[in-house]
PDB file of N, CA and C in Angstrom:
ATOM      1  N   MET A   1     156.436 200.327  -9.281  1.00  0.00           N
ATOM      2  CA  MET A   1     155.068 200.567  -9.670  1.00  0.00           C
ATOM      3  C   MET A   1     154.098 199.854  -8.727  1.00  0.00           C
ATOM      4  N   TYR A   2     154.274 198.529  -8.503  1.00  0.00           N
ATOM      5  CA  TYR A   2     153.352 197.784  -7.665  1.00  0.00           C
ATOM      6  C   TYR A   2     153.417 198.223  -6.213  1.00  0.00           C
ATOM      7  N   ALA A   3     154.603 198.559  -5.736  1.00  0.00           N
ATOM      8  CA  ALA A   3     154.744 198.991  -4.347  1.00  0.00           C
ATOM      9  C   ALA A   3     153.936 200.248  -4.089  1.00  0.00           C
ATOM     10  N   SER A   4     153.967 201.186  -5.013  1.00  0.00           N
ATOM     11  CA  SER A   4     153.195 202.418  -4.828  1.00  0.00           C
ATOM     12  C   SER A   4     151.695 202.142  -4.913  1.00  0.00           C
ATOM     13  N   GLN A   5     151.306 201.204  -5.769  1.00  0.00           N
ATOM     14  CA  GLN A   5     149.886 200.838  -5.854  1.00  0.00           C
ATOM     15  C   GLN A   5     149.423 200.177  -4.565  1.00  0.00           C
ATOM     16  N   LEU A   6     150.245 199.295  -4.024  1.00  0.00           N
ATOM     17  CA  LEU A   6     149.886 198.640  -2.767  1.00  0.00           C
ATOM     18  C   LEU A   6     149.794 199.658  -1.644  1.00  0.00           C
ATOM     19  N   GLN A   7     150.721 200.603  -1.607  1.00  0.00           N
ATOM     20  CA  GLN A   7     150.695 201.618  -0.559  1.00  0.00           C
ATOM     21  C   GLN A   7     149.448 202.488  -0.681  1.00  0.00           C
ATOM     22  N   ALA A   8     149.089 202.858  -1.887  1.00  0.00           N
ATOM     23  CA  ALA A   8     147.877 203.654  -2.085  1.00  0.00           C
ATOM     24  C   ALA A   8     146.656 202.855  -1.638  1.00  0.00           C
ATOM     25  N   TYR A   9     146.628 201.581  -1.982  1.00  0.00           N
ATOM     26  CA  TYR A   9     145.527 200.714  -1.576  1.00  0.00           C
ATOM     27  C   TYR A   9     145.463 200.622  -0.052  1.00  0.00           C
ATOM     28  N   ARG A  10     146.616 200.448   0.575  1.00  0.00           N
ATOM     29  CA  ARG A  10     146.654 200.378   2.034  1.00  0.00           C
ATOM     30  C   ARG A  10     146.150 201.669   2.668  1.00  0.00           C
ATOM     31  N   ASN A  11     146.561 202.806   2.130  1.00  0.00           N
ATOM     32  CA  ASN A  11     146.145 204.082   2.694  1.00  0.00           C
ATOM     33  C   ASN A  11     144.636 204.263   2.624  1.00  0.00           C
ATOM     34  N   ILE A  12     144.059 203.880   1.510  1.00  0.00           N
ATOM     35  CA  ILE A  12     142.606 204.004   1.356  1.00  0.00           C
ATOM     36  C   ILE A  12     141.883 203.028   2.273  1.00  0.00           C
ATOM     37  N   GLN A  13     142.346 201.786   2.304  1.00  0.00           N
ATOM     38  CA  GLN A  13     141.667 200.761   3.078  1.00  0.00           C
ATOM     39  C   GLN A  13     141.820 200.944   4.579  1.00  0.00           C
ATOM     40  N   LYS A  14     142.875 201.604   5.026  1.00  0.00           N
ATOM     41  CA  LYS A  14     143.082 201.793   6.463  1.00  0.00           C
ATOM     42  C   LYS A  14     141.965 202.609   7.096  1.00  0.00           C
ATOM     43  N   VAL A  15     141.271 203.366   6.291  1.00  0.00           N
ATOM     44  CA  VAL A  15     140.166 204.155   6.823  1.00  0.00           C
ATOM     45  C   VAL A  15     139.079 203.238   7.366  1.00  0.00           C
ATOM     46  N   THR A  16     138.867 202.092   6.713  1.00  0.00           N
ATOM     47  CA  THR A  16     137.774 201.217   7.105  1.00  0.00           C
ATOM     48  C   THR A  16     138.205 199.834   7.594  1.00  0.00           C
ATOM     49  N   MET A  17     139.460 199.462   7.418  1.00  0.00           N
ATOM     50  CA  MET A  17     139.905 198.119   7.768  1.00  0.00           C
ATOM     51  C   MET A  17     141.013 198.168   8.805  1.00  0.00           C
ATOM     52  N   ASN A  18     141.063 197.123   9.647  1.00  0.00           N
ATOM     53  CA  ASN A  18     142.235 196.998  10.505  1.00  0.00           C
ATOM     54  C   ASN A  18     143.330 196.285   9.705  1.00  0.00           C
ATOM     55  N   ASP A  19     144.524 196.184  10.274  1.00  0.00           N
ATOM     56  CA  ASP A  19     145.659 195.623   9.540  1.00  0.00           C
ATOM     57  C   ASP A  19     145.419 194.187   9.078  1.00  0.00           C
ATOM     58  N   ARG A  20     144.840 193.366   9.906  1.00  0.00           N
ATOM     59  CA  ARG A  20     144.588 191.968   9.526  1.00  0.00           C
ATOM     60  C   ARG A  20     143.587 191.878   8.390  1.00  0.00           C
ATOM     61  N   GLU A  21     142.531 192.677   8.443  1.00  0.00           N
ATOM     62  CA  GLU A  21     141.564 192.680   7.353  1.00  0.00           C
ATOM     63  C   GLU A  21     142.207 193.147   6.052  1.00  0.00           C
ATOM     64  N   LEU A  22     143.065 194.149   6.150  1.00  0.00           N
ATOM     65  CA  LEU A  22     143.765 194.659   4.977  1.00  0.00           C
ATOM     66  C   LEU A  22     144.680 193.592   4.390  1.00  0.00           C
ATOM     67  N   GLU A  23     145.468 192.940   5.228  1.00  0.00           N
ATOM     68  CA  GLU A  23     146.350 191.881   4.752  1.00  0.00           C
ATOM     69  C   GLU A  23     145.536 190.755   4.118  1.00  0.00           C
ATOM     70  N   ALA A  24     144.424 190.385   4.729  1.00  0.00           N
ATOM     71  CA  ALA A  24     143.566 189.341   4.170  1.00  0.00           C
ATOM     72  C   ALA A  24     143.034 189.760   2.808  1.00  0.00           C
ATOM     73  N   SER A  25     142.637 190.993   2.684  1.00  0.00           N
ATOM     74  CA  SER A  25     142.099 191.500   1.424  1.00  0.00           C
ATOM     75  C   SER A  25     143.136 191.464   0.312  1.00  0.00           C
ATOM     76  N   VAL A  26     144.346 191.872   0.619  1.00  0.00           N
ATOM     77  CA  VAL A  26     145.401 191.901  -0.393  1.00  0.00           C
ATOM     78  C   VAL A  26     145.817 190.468  -0.767  1.00  0.00           C
ATOM     79  N   LEU A  27     145.896 189.569   0.209  1.00  0.00           N
ATOM     80  CA  LEU A  27     146.197 188.169  -0.093  1.00  0.00           C
ATOM     81  C   LEU A  27     145.120 187.550  -0.976  1.00  0.00           C
ATOM     82  N   ALA A  28     143.870 187.864  -0.685  1.00  0.00           N
ATOM     83  CA  ALA A  28     142.773 187.347  -1.498  1.00  0.00           C
ATOM     84  C   ALA A  28     142.840 187.910  -2.919  1.00  0.00           C
ATOM     85  N   LYS A  29     143.176 189.190  -3.041  1.00  0.00           N
ATOM     86  CA  LYS A  29     143.317 189.792  -4.368  1.00  0.00           C
ATOM     87  C   LYS A  29     144.406 189.079  -5.161  1.00  0.00           C
ATOM     88  N   ALA A  30     145.550 188.803  -4.527  1.00  0.00           N
ATOM     89  CA  ALA A  30     146.637 188.095  -5.201  1.00  0.00           C
ATOM     90  C   ALA A  30     146.181 186.703  -5.641  1.00  0.00           C
ATOM     91  N   ALA A  31     145.456 186.014  -4.764  1.00  0.00           N
ATOM     92  CA  ALA A  31     144.951 184.684  -5.094  1.00  0.00           C
ATOM     93  C   ALA A  31     143.983 184.736  -6.278  1.00  0.00           C
ATOM     94  N   LEU A  32     143.120 185.731  -6.287  1.00  0.00           N
ATOM     95  CA  LEU A  32     142.150 185.853  -7.381  1.00  0.00           C
ATOM     96  C   LEU A  32     142.822 186.182  -8.707  1.00  0.00           C
ATOM     97  N   MET A  33     143.874 186.969  -8.658  1.00  0.00           N
ATOM     98  CA  MET A  33     144.631 187.261  -9.879  1.00  0.00           C
ATOM     99  C   MET A  33     145.252 185.972 -10.428  1.00  0.00           C
ATOM    100  N   LEU A  34     145.831 185.171  -9.546  1.00  0.00           N
ATOM    101  CA  LEU A  34     146.424 183.904  -9.957  1.00  0.00           C
ATOM    102  C   LEU A  34     145.360 182.929 -10.451  1.00  0.00           C
ATOM    103  N   LYS A  35     144.241 182.885  -9.752  1.00  0.00           N
ATOM    104  CA  LYS A  35     143.139 181.987 -10.136  1.00  0.00           C
ATOM    105  C   LYS A  35     142.596 182.346 -11.517  1.00  0.00           C
ATOM    106  N   SER A  36     142.499 183.632 -11.797  1.00  0.00           N
ATOM    107  CA  SER A  36     142.043 184.073 -13.110  1.00  0.00           C
ATOM    108  C   SER A  36     142.991 183.588 -14.207  1.00  0.00           C
ATOM    109  N   CYS A  37     144.275 183.649 -13.941  1.00  0.00           N
ATOM    110  CA  CYS A  37     145.258 183.136 -14.909  1.00  0.00           C
ATOM    111  C   CYS A  37     145.090 181.631 -15.098  1.00  0.00           C
ATOM    112  N   GLN A  38     144.916 180.944 -14.003  1.00  0.00           N
ATOM    113  CA  GLN A  38     144.757 179.496 -14.054  1.00  0.00           C
ATOM    114  C   GLN A  38     143.518 179.102 -14.858  1.00  0.00           C
ATOM    115  N   GLU A  39     142.432 179.801 -14.632  1.00  0.00           N
ATOM    116  CA  GLU A  39     141.171 179.481 -15.301  1.00  0.00           C
ATOM    117  C   GLU A  39     141.126 179.937 -16.756  1.00  0.00           C
ATOM    118  N   ASN A  40     141.981 180.887 -17.112  1.00  0.00           N
ATOM    119  CA  ASN A  40     142.005 181.423 -18.484  1.00  0.00           C
ATOM    120  C   ASN A  40     143.367 181.182 -19.122  1.00  0.00           C
ATOM    121  N   TRP A  41     143.891 179.986 -18.915  1.00  0.00           N
ATOM    122  CA  TRP A  41     145.244 179.666 -19.335  1.00  0.00           C
ATOM    123  C   TRP A  41     145.455 179.842 -20.842  1.00  0.00           C
ATOM    124  N   ASP A  42     144.433 179.616 -21.634  1.00  0.00           N
ATOM    125  CA  ASP A  42     144.575 179.701 -23.088  1.00  0.00           C
ATOM    126  C   ASP A  42     144.277 181.084 -23.647  1.00  0.00           C
ATOM    127  N   ALA A  43     144.059 182.057 -22.783  1.00  0.00           N
ATOM    128  CA  ALA A  43     143.756 183.421 -23.238  1.00  0.00           C
ATOM    129  C   ALA A  43     144.971 184.032 -23.946  1.00  0.00           C
ATOM    130  N   GLU A  44     144.707 184.898 -24.885  1.00  0.00           N
ATOM    131  CA  GLU A  44     145.776 185.559 -25.633  1.00  0.00           C
ATOM    132  C   GLU A  44     146.703 186.365 -24.734  1.00  0.00           C
ATOM    133  N   ASP A  45     146.142 186.995 -23.738  1.00  0.00           N
ATOM    134  CA  ASP A  45     146.931 187.860 -22.864  1.00  0.00           C
ATOM    135  C   ASP A  45     147.427 187.143 -21.608  1.00  0.00           C
ATOM    136  N   ARG A  46     147.407 185.818 -21.628  1.00  0.00           N
ATOM    137  CA  ARG A  46     147.806 185.035 -20.463  1.00  0.00           C
ATOM    138  C   ARG A  46     149.196 185.390 -19.951  1.00  0.00           C
ATOM    139  N   ASP A  47     150.168 185.498 -20.836  1.00  0.00           N
ATOM    140  CA  ASP A  47     151.533 185.771 -20.386  1.00  0.00           C
ATOM    141  C   ASP A  47     151.619 187.099 -19.644  1.00  0.00           C
ATOM    142  N   LEU A  48     150.960 188.097 -20.160  1.00  0.00           N
ATOM    143  CA  LEU A  48     150.954 189.413 -19.510  1.00  0.00           C
ATOM    144  C   LEU A  48     150.247 189.343 -18.158  1.00  0.00           C
ATOM    145  N   LYS A  49     149.077 188.722 -18.128  1.00  0.00           N
ATOM    146  CA  LYS A  49     148.309 188.602 -16.878  1.00  0.00           C
ATOM    147  C   LYS A  49     149.051 187.751 -15.852  1.00  0.00           C
ATOM    148  N   LEU A  50     149.692 186.688 -16.314  1.00  0.00           N
ATOM    149  CA  LEU A  50     150.449 185.825 -15.402  1.00  0.00           C
ATOM    150  C   LEU A  50     151.629 186.587 -14.816  1.00  0.00           C
ATOM    151  N   LYS A  51     152.338 187.310 -15.654  1.00  0.00           N
ATOM    152  CA  LYS A  51     153.470 188.102 -15.177  1.00  0.00           C
ATOM    153  C   LYS A  51     153.008 189.122 -14.136  1.00  0.00           C
ATOM    154  N   GLU A  52     151.895 189.777 -14.403  1.00  0.00           N
ATOM    155  CA  GLU A  52     151.339 190.765 -13.472  1.00  0.00           C
ATOM    156  C   GLU A  52     150.936 190.104 -12.155  1.00  0.00           C
ATOM    157  N   ALA A  53     150.265 188.968 -12.231  1.00  0.00           N
ATOM    158  CA  ALA A  53     149.813 188.267 -11.022  1.00  0.00           C
ATOM    159  C   ALA A  53     150.991 187.763 -10.198  1.00  0.00           C
ATOM    160  N   LEU A  54     151.993 187.216 -10.860  1.00  0.00           N
ATOM    161  CA  LEU A  54     153.161 186.712 -10.136  1.00  0.00           C
ATOM    162  C   LEU A  54     153.949 187.848  -9.498  1.00  0.00           C
ATOM    163  N   ARG A  55     154.097 188.949 -10.203  1.00  0.00           N
ATOM    164  CA  ARG A  55     154.807 190.096  -9.631  1.00  0.00           C
ATOM    165  C   ARG A  55     154.054 190.681  -8.444  1.00  0.00           C
ATOM    166  N   PHE A  56     152.732 190.774  -8.564  1.00  0.00           N
ATOM    167  CA  PHE A  56     151.942 191.285  -7.444  1.00  0.00           C
ATOM    168  C   PHE A  56     152.097 190.375  -6.238  1.00  0.00           C
ATOM    169  N   ASN A  57     152.006 189.065  -6.466  1.00  0.00           N
ATOM    170  CA  ASN A  57     152.142 188.103  -5.384  1.00  0.00           C
ATOM    171  C   ASN A  57     153.535 188.174  -4.767  1.00  0.00           C
ATOM    172  N   GLN A  58     154.549 188.279  -5.598  1.00  0.00           N
ATOM    173  CA  GLN A  58     155.921 188.369  -5.094  1.00  0.00           C
ATOM    174  C   GLN A  58     156.130 189.643  -4.284  1.00  0.00           C
ATOM    175  N   MET A  59     155.603 190.742  -4.788  1.00  0.00           N
ATOM    176  CA  MET A  59     155.734 192.012  -4.077  1.00  0.00           C
ATOM    177  C   MET A  59     155.010 191.944  -2.729  1.00  0.00           C
ATOM    178  N   LEU A  60     153.826 191.381  -2.729  1.00  0.00           N
ATOM    179  CA  LEU A  60     153.055 191.228  -1.500  1.00  0.00           C
ATOM    180  C   LEU A  60     153.831 190.416  -0.467  1.00  0.00           C
ATOM    181  N   TRP A  61     154.368 189.287  -0.872  1.00  0.00           N
ATOM    182  CA  TRP A  61     155.108 188.445   0.065  1.00  0.00           C
ATOM    183  C   TRP A  61     156.419 189.094   0.489  1.00  0.00           C
ATOM    184  N   SER A  62     157.008 189.912  -0.370  1.00  0.00           N
ATOM    185  CA  SER A  62     158.214 190.658   0.028  1.00  0.00           C
ATOM    186  C   SER A  62     157.881 191.660   1.133  1.00  0.00           C
ATOM    187  N   VAL A  63     156.740 192.309   1.004  1.00  0.00           N
ATOM    188  CA  VAL A  63     156.300 193.245   2.046  1.00  0.00           C
ATOM    189  C   VAL A  63     156.057 192.487   3.348  1.00  0.00           C
ATOM    190  N   LEU A  64     155.408 191.333   3.256  1.00  0.00           N
ATOM    191  CA  LEU A  64     155.165 190.521   4.449  1.00  0.00           C
ATOM    192  C   LEU A  64     156.482 190.056   5.073  1.00  0.00           C
ATOM    193  N   GLN A  65     157.441 189.650   4.232  1.00  0.00           N
ATOM    194  CA  GLN A  65     158.746 189.219   4.739  1.00  0.00           C
ATOM    195  C   GLN A  65     159.425 190.350   5.513  1.00  0.00           C
ATOM    196  N   THR A  66     159.398 191.526   4.951  1.00  0.00           N
ATOM    197  CA  THR A  66     160.014 192.678   5.612  1.00  0.00           C
ATOM    198  C   THR A  66     159.346 192.951   6.946  1.00  0.00           C
ATOM    199  N   ASP A  67     158.019 192.929   6.949  1.00  0.00           N
ATOM    200  CA  ASP A  67     157.271 193.193   8.170  1.00  0.00           C
ATOM    201  C   ASP A  67     157.536 192.111   9.225  1.00  0.00           C
ATOM    202  N   LEU A  68     157.516 190.864   8.814  1.00  0.00           N
ATOM    203  CA  LEU A  68     157.717 189.758   9.754  1.00  0.00           C
ATOM    204  C   LEU A  68     159.143 189.679  10.275  1.00  0.00           C
ATOM    205  N   SER A  69     160.090 190.272   9.583  1.00  0.00           N
ATOM    206  CA  SER A  69     161.495 190.242   9.999  1.00  0.00           C
ATOM    207  C   SER A  69     161.800 191.228  11.114  1.00  0.00           C
ATOM    208  N   LYS A  70     160.877 192.124  11.395  1.00  0.00           N
ATOM    209  CA  LYS A  70     161.101 193.121  12.445  1.00  0.00           C
ATOM    210  C   LYS A  70     161.021 192.457  13.815  1.00  0.00           C
ATOM    211  N   GLU A  71     161.996 192.744  14.650  1.00  0.00           N
ATOM    212  CA  GLU A  71     162.037 192.157  15.992  1.00  0.00           C
ATOM    213  C   GLU A  71     160.835 192.552  16.843  1.00  0.00           C
ATOM    214  N   ASP A  72     160.281 193.730  16.614  1.00  0.00           N
ATOM    215  CA  ASP A  72     159.162 194.195  17.426  1.00  0.00           C
ATOM    216  C   ASP A  72     157.794 193.802  16.843  1.00  0.00           C
ATOM    217  N   HIS A  73     157.795 192.860  15.894  1.00  0.00           N
ATOM    218  CA  HIS A  73     156.531 192.411  15.303  1.00  0.00           C
ATOM    219  C   HIS A  73     155.681 191.748  16.384  1.00  0.00           C
ATOM    220  N   HIS A  74     154.361 191.927  16.297  1.00  0.00           N
ATOM    221  CA  HIS A  74     153.453 191.451  17.343  1.00  0.00           C
ATOM    222  C   HIS A  74     153.281 189.932  17.396  1.00  0.00           C
ATOM    223  N   LEU A  75     153.582 189.215  16.312  1.00  0.00           N
ATOM    224  CA  LEU A  75     153.427 187.760  16.322  1.00  0.00           C
ATOM    225  C   LEU A  75     154.552 187.095  17.102  1.00  0.00           C
ATOM    226  N   PRO A  76     154.275 185.945  17.706  1.00  0.00           N
ATOM    227  CA  PRO A  76     155.336 185.201  18.390  1.00  0.00           C
ATOM    228  C   PRO A  76     156.447 184.821  17.394  1.00  0.00           C
ATOM    229  N   LYS A  77     157.659 184.785  17.884  1.00  0.00           N
ATOM    230  CA  LYS A  77     158.822 184.562  17.027  1.00  0.00           C
ATOM    231  C   LYS A  77     158.710 183.262  16.227  1.00  0.00           C
ATOM    232  N   ASN A  78     158.276 182.182  16.855  1.00  0.00           N
ATOM    233  CA  ASN A  78     158.197 180.903  16.139  1.00  0.00           C
ATOM    234  C   ASN A  78     157.173 180.954  15.002  1.00  0.00           C
ATOM    235  N   LEU A  79     156.066 181.648  15.194  1.00  0.00           N
ATOM    236  CA  LEU A  79     155.071 181.791  14.131  1.00  0.00           C
ATOM    237  C   LEU A  79     155.619 182.649  12.992  1.00  0.00           C
ATOM    238  N   ARG A  80     156.310 183.725  13.352  1.00  0.00           N
ATOM    239  CA  ARG A  80     156.943 184.572  12.326  1.00  0.00           C
ATOM    240  C   ARG A  80     157.935 183.753  11.499  1.00  0.00           C
ATOM    241  N   GLU A  81     158.725 182.941  12.166  1.00  0.00           N
ATOM    242  CA  GLU A  81     159.711 182.122  11.467  1.00  0.00           C
ATOM    243  C   GLU A  81     159.044 181.112  10.540  1.00  0.00           C
ATOM    244  N   ASP A  82     157.928 180.525  10.991  1.00  0.00           N
ATOM    245  CA  ASP A  82     157.200 179.576  10.143  1.00  0.00           C
ATOM    246  C   ASP A  82     156.659 180.264   8.890  1.00  0.00           C
ATOM    247  N   ILE A  83     156.103 181.450   9.057  1.00  0.00           N
ATOM    248  CA  ILE A  83     155.564 182.175   7.911  1.00  0.00           C
ATOM    249  C   ILE A  83     156.689 182.631   6.984  1.00  0.00           C
ATOM    250  N   LEU A  84     157.814 183.023   7.556  1.00  0.00           N
ATOM    251  CA  LEU A  84     158.971 183.392   6.727  1.00  0.00           C
ATOM    252  C   LEU A  84     159.469 182.185   5.935  1.00  0.00           C
ATOM    253  N   SER A  85     159.482 181.012   6.539  1.00  0.00           N
ATOM    254  CA  SER A  85     159.864 179.794   5.809  1.00  0.00           C
ATOM    255  C   SER A  85     158.889 179.524   4.668  1.00  0.00           C
ATOM    256  N   LEU A  86     157.620 179.699   4.943  1.00  0.00           N
ATOM    257  CA  LEU A  86     156.607 179.542   3.907  1.00  0.00           C
ATOM    258  C   LEU A  86     156.837 180.549   2.779  1.00  0.00           C
ATOM    259  N   SER A  87     157.229 181.756   3.131  1.00  0.00           N
ATOM    260  CA  SER A  87     157.464 182.778   2.110  1.00  0.00           C
ATOM    261  C   SER A  87     158.633 182.391   1.200  1.00  0.00           C
ATOM    262  N   LEU A  88     159.613 181.682   1.732  1.00  0.00           N
ATOM    263  CA  LEU A  88     160.720 181.210   0.895  1.00  0.00           C
ATOM    264  C   LEU A  88     160.233 180.172  -0.106  1.00  0.00           C
ATOM    265  N   PHE A  89     159.339 179.298   0.333  1.00  0.00           N
ATOM    266  CA  PHE A  89     158.727 178.340  -0.590  1.00  0.00           C
ATOM    267  C   PHE A  89     157.969 179.085  -1.683  1.00  0.00           C
ATOM    268  N   ILE A  90     157.229 180.103  -1.308  1.00  0.00           N
ATOM    269  CA  ILE A  90     156.455 180.880  -2.272  1.00  0.00           C
ATOM    270  C   ILE A  90     157.384 181.552  -3.280  1.00  0.00           C
ATOM    271  N   ASP A  91     158.483 182.124  -2.806  1.00  0.00           N
ATOM    272  CA  ASP A  91     159.464 182.729  -3.720  1.00  0.00           C
ATOM    273  C   ASP A  91     159.960 181.709  -4.739  1.00  0.00           C
ATOM    274  N   LYS A  92     160.326 180.521  -4.253  1.00  0.00           N
ATOM    275  CA  LYS A  92     160.830 179.465  -5.147  1.00  0.00           C
ATOM    276  C   LYS A  92     159.772 179.056  -6.165  1.00  0.00           C
ATOM    277  N   ARG A  93     158.539 178.929  -5.704  1.00  0.00           N
ATOM    278  CA  ARG A  93     157.462 178.517  -6.617  1.00  0.00           C
ATOM    279  C   ARG A  93     157.220 179.583  -7.687  1.00  0.00           C
ATOM    280  N   ILE A  94     157.252 180.845  -7.292  1.00  0.00           N
ATOM    281  CA  ILE A  94     157.061 181.924  -8.263  1.00  0.00           C
ATOM    282  C   ILE A  94     158.137 181.857  -9.338  1.00  0.00           C
ATOM    283  N   PHE A  95     159.401 181.684  -8.934  1.00  0.00           N
ATOM    284  CA  PHE A  95     160.486 181.605  -9.917  1.00  0.00           C
ATOM    285  C   PHE A  95     160.342 180.371 -10.799  1.00  0.00           C
ATOM    286  N   GLU A  96     159.890 179.283 -10.216  1.00  0.00           N
ATOM    287  CA  GLU A  96     159.663 178.059 -10.984  1.00  0.00           C
ATOM    288  C   GLU A  96     158.574 178.281 -12.033  1.00  0.00           C
ATOM    289  N   ILE A  97     157.507 178.952 -11.634  1.00  0.00           N
ATOM    290  CA  ILE A  97     156.416 179.227 -12.580  1.00  0.00           C
ATOM    291  C   ILE A  97     156.880 180.177 -13.682  1.00  0.00           C
ATOM    292  N   MET A  98     157.680 181.168 -13.304  1.00  0.00           N
ATOM    293  CA  MET A  98     158.195 182.091 -14.319  1.00  0.00           C
ATOM    294  C   MET A  98     159.040 181.348 -15.356  1.00  0.00           C
ATOM    295  N   ALA A  99     159.826 180.382 -14.896  1.00  0.00           N
ATOM    296  CA  ALA A  99     160.706 179.639 -15.797  1.00  0.00           C
ATOM    297  C   ALA A  99     159.947 178.609 -16.628  1.00  0.00           C
ATOM    298  N   HIS A 100     158.991 177.933 -15.997  1.00  0.00           N
ATOM    299  CA  HIS A 100     158.253 176.852 -16.670  1.00  0.00           C
ATOM    300  C   HIS A 100     156.776 176.925 -16.266  1.00  0.00           C
ATOM    301  N   PRO A 101     156.032 177.849 -16.871  1.00  0.00           N
ATOM    302  CA  PRO A 101     154.641 178.046 -16.447  1.00  0.00           C
ATOM    303  C   PRO A 101     153.700 176.892 -16.826  1.00  0.00           C
ATOM    304  N   THR A 102     152.916 176.480 -15.842  1.00  0.00           N
ATOM    305  CA  THR A 102     151.794 175.571 -16.056  1.00  0.00           C
ATOM    306  C   THR A 102     150.682 175.998 -15.097  1.00  0.00           C
ATOM    307  N   PRO A 103     149.433 175.791 -15.477  1.00  0.00           N
ATOM    308  CA  PRO A 103     148.342 176.218 -14.594  1.00  0.00           C
ATOM    309  C   PRO A 103     148.300 175.450 -13.285  1.00  0.00           C
ATOM    310  N   GLU A 104     148.745 174.218 -13.289  1.00  0.00           N
ATOM    311  CA  GLU A 104     148.719 173.402 -12.077  1.00  0.00           C
ATOM    312  C   GLU A 104     149.625 173.966 -10.983  1.00  0.00           C
ATOM    313  N   LYS A 105     150.727 174.569 -11.373  1.00  0.00           N
ATOM    314  CA  LYS A 105     151.682 175.103 -10.401  1.00  0.00           C
ATOM    315  C   LYS A 105     151.117 176.287  -9.628  1.00  0.00           C
ATOM    316  N   LEU A 106     150.088 176.923 -10.157  1.00  0.00           N
ATOM    317  CA  LEU A 106     149.494 178.072  -9.479  1.00  0.00           C
ATOM    318  C   LEU A 106     148.643 177.666  -8.277  1.00  0.00           C
ATOM    319  N   GLY A 107     148.154 176.432  -8.286  1.00  0.00           N
ATOM    320  CA  GLY A 107     147.225 175.985  -7.251  1.00  0.00           C
ATOM    321  C   GLY A 107     147.719 176.170  -5.833  1.00  0.00           C
ATOM    322  N   ILE A 108     148.962 175.818  -5.564  1.00  0.00           N
ATOM    323  CA  ILE A 108     149.479 175.916  -4.198  1.00  0.00           C
ATOM    324  C   ILE A 108     149.580 177.371  -3.749  1.00  0.00           C
ATOM    325  N   LEU A 109     149.967 178.275  -4.661  1.00  0.00           N
ATOM    326  CA  LEU A 109     150.029 179.698  -4.301  1.00  0.00           C
ATOM    327  C   LEU A 109     148.638 180.238  -3.990  1.00  0.00           C
ATOM    328  N   ILE A 110     147.678 179.849  -4.796  1.00  0.00           N
ATOM    329  CA  ILE A 110     146.290 180.277  -4.579  1.00  0.00           C
ATOM    330  C   ILE A 110     145.805 179.777  -3.223  1.00  0.00           C
ATOM    331  N   ASP A 111     146.032 178.494  -2.957  1.00  0.00           N
ATOM    332  CA  ASP A 111     145.579 177.895  -1.693  1.00  0.00           C
ATOM    333  C   ASP A 111     146.231 178.554  -0.476  1.00  0.00           C
ATOM    334  N   ILE A 112     147.532 178.783  -0.548  1.00  0.00           N
ATOM    335  CA  ILE A 112     148.237 179.404   0.574  1.00  0.00           C
ATOM    336  C   ILE A 112     147.673 180.792   0.846  1.00  0.00           C
ATOM    337  N   ASN A 113     147.552 181.597  -0.205  1.00  0.00           N
ATOM    338  CA  ASN A 113     147.035 182.957  -0.030  1.00  0.00           C
ATOM    339  C   ASN A 113     145.625 182.953   0.549  1.00  0.00           C
ATOM    340  N   LEU A 114     144.757 182.102   0.017  1.00  0.00           N
ATOM    341  CA  LEU A 114     143.367 182.071   0.491  1.00  0.00           C
ATOM    342  C   LEU A 114     143.272 181.555   1.928  1.00  0.00           C
ATOM    343  N   ASN A 115     144.081 180.553   2.271  1.00  0.00           N
ATOM    344  CA  ASN A 115     144.044 180.020   3.633  1.00  0.00           C
ATOM    345  C   ASN A 115     144.560 181.025   4.646  1.00  0.00           C
ATOM    346  N   ILE A 116     145.628 181.711   4.308  1.00  0.00           N
ATOM    347  CA  ILE A 116     146.141 182.724   5.239  1.00  0.00           C
ATOM    348  C   ILE A 116     145.162 183.888   5.339  1.00  0.00           C
ATOM    349  N   ALA A 117     144.573 184.272   4.219  1.00  0.00           N
ATOM    350  CA  ALA A 117     143.561 185.341   4.246  1.00  0.00           C
ATOM    351  C   ALA A 117     142.389 184.946   5.140  1.00  0.00           C
ATOM    352  N   ALA A 118     141.941 183.704   5.031  1.00  0.00           N
ATOM    353  CA  ALA A 118     140.827 183.237   5.862  1.00  0.00           C
ATOM    354  C   ALA A 118     141.209 183.272   7.339  1.00  0.00           C
ATOM    355  N   GLY A 119     142.427 182.853   7.666  1.00  0.00           N
ATOM    356  CA  GLY A 119     142.880 182.889   9.057  1.00  0.00           C
ATOM    357  C   GLY A 119     142.962 184.310   9.586  1.00  0.00           C
ATOM    358  N   LEU A 120     143.428 185.218   8.752  1.00  0.00           N
ATOM    359  CA  LEU A 120     143.500 186.619   9.170  1.00  0.00           C
ATOM    360  C   LEU A 120     142.107 187.197   9.397  1.00  0.00           C
ATOM    361  N   ARG A 121     141.180 186.850   8.533  1.00  0.00           N
ATOM    362  CA  ARG A 121     139.800 187.346   8.695  1.00  0.00           C
ATOM    363  C   ARG A 121     139.177 186.790   9.970  1.00  0.00           C
ATOM    364  N   ASP A 122     139.435 185.509  10.233  1.00  0.00           N
ATOM    365  CA  ASP A 122     138.894 184.900  11.463  1.00  0.00           C
ATOM    366  C   ASP A 122     139.461 185.585  12.699  1.00  0.00           C
ATOM    367  N   SER A 123     140.766 185.859  12.685  1.00  0.00           N
ATOM    368  CA  SER A 123     141.385 186.496  13.850  1.00  0.00           C
ATOM    369  C   SER A 123     140.997 187.958  13.965  1.00  0.00           C
ATOM    370  N   ALA A 124     140.708 188.610  12.834  1.00  0.00           N
ATOM    371  CA  ALA A 124     140.287 190.023  12.882  1.00  0.00           C
ATOM    372  C   ALA A 124     138.887 190.147  13.457  1.00  0.00           C
ATOM    373  N   GLY A 125     138.061 189.136  13.209  1.00  0.00           N
ATOM    374  CA  GLY A 125     136.700 189.173  13.711  1.00  0.00           C
ATOM    375  C   GLY A 125     136.585 188.788  15.167  1.00  0.00           C
ATOM    376  N   ALA A 126     137.627 188.156  15.684  1.00  0.00           N
ATOM    377  CA  ALA A 126     137.578 187.682  17.079  1.00  0.00           C
ATOM    378  C   ALA A 126     137.790 188.822  18.058  1.00  0.00           C
TER     379      ALA A 126
END
């Protein structure tokens, strides 16, 4: 379900965005979904929203992992490897949050997504 939604989003956004802007936008969306859960931790629908946000974030990073694993990827190999290592940390954190959810654990995922999105936006504008 999420993969098809992301693909539809990518298809629409490609008309007006380059790849870096698109990746930044999707990372920011994932961060905002997580931030909303963090800020509304006591909401009745928190479990549903948290599950949705974590799955979206996991799916997004899985797509990035697949893309970064390609030998012909445009990024230098050492940078790709660093981001792939970071993605493993993100996977572990997502599973940790699923097992033992607390709002504090979301902070690092939010920060990582927003920082990478900001870097992508800066490089897209250059």
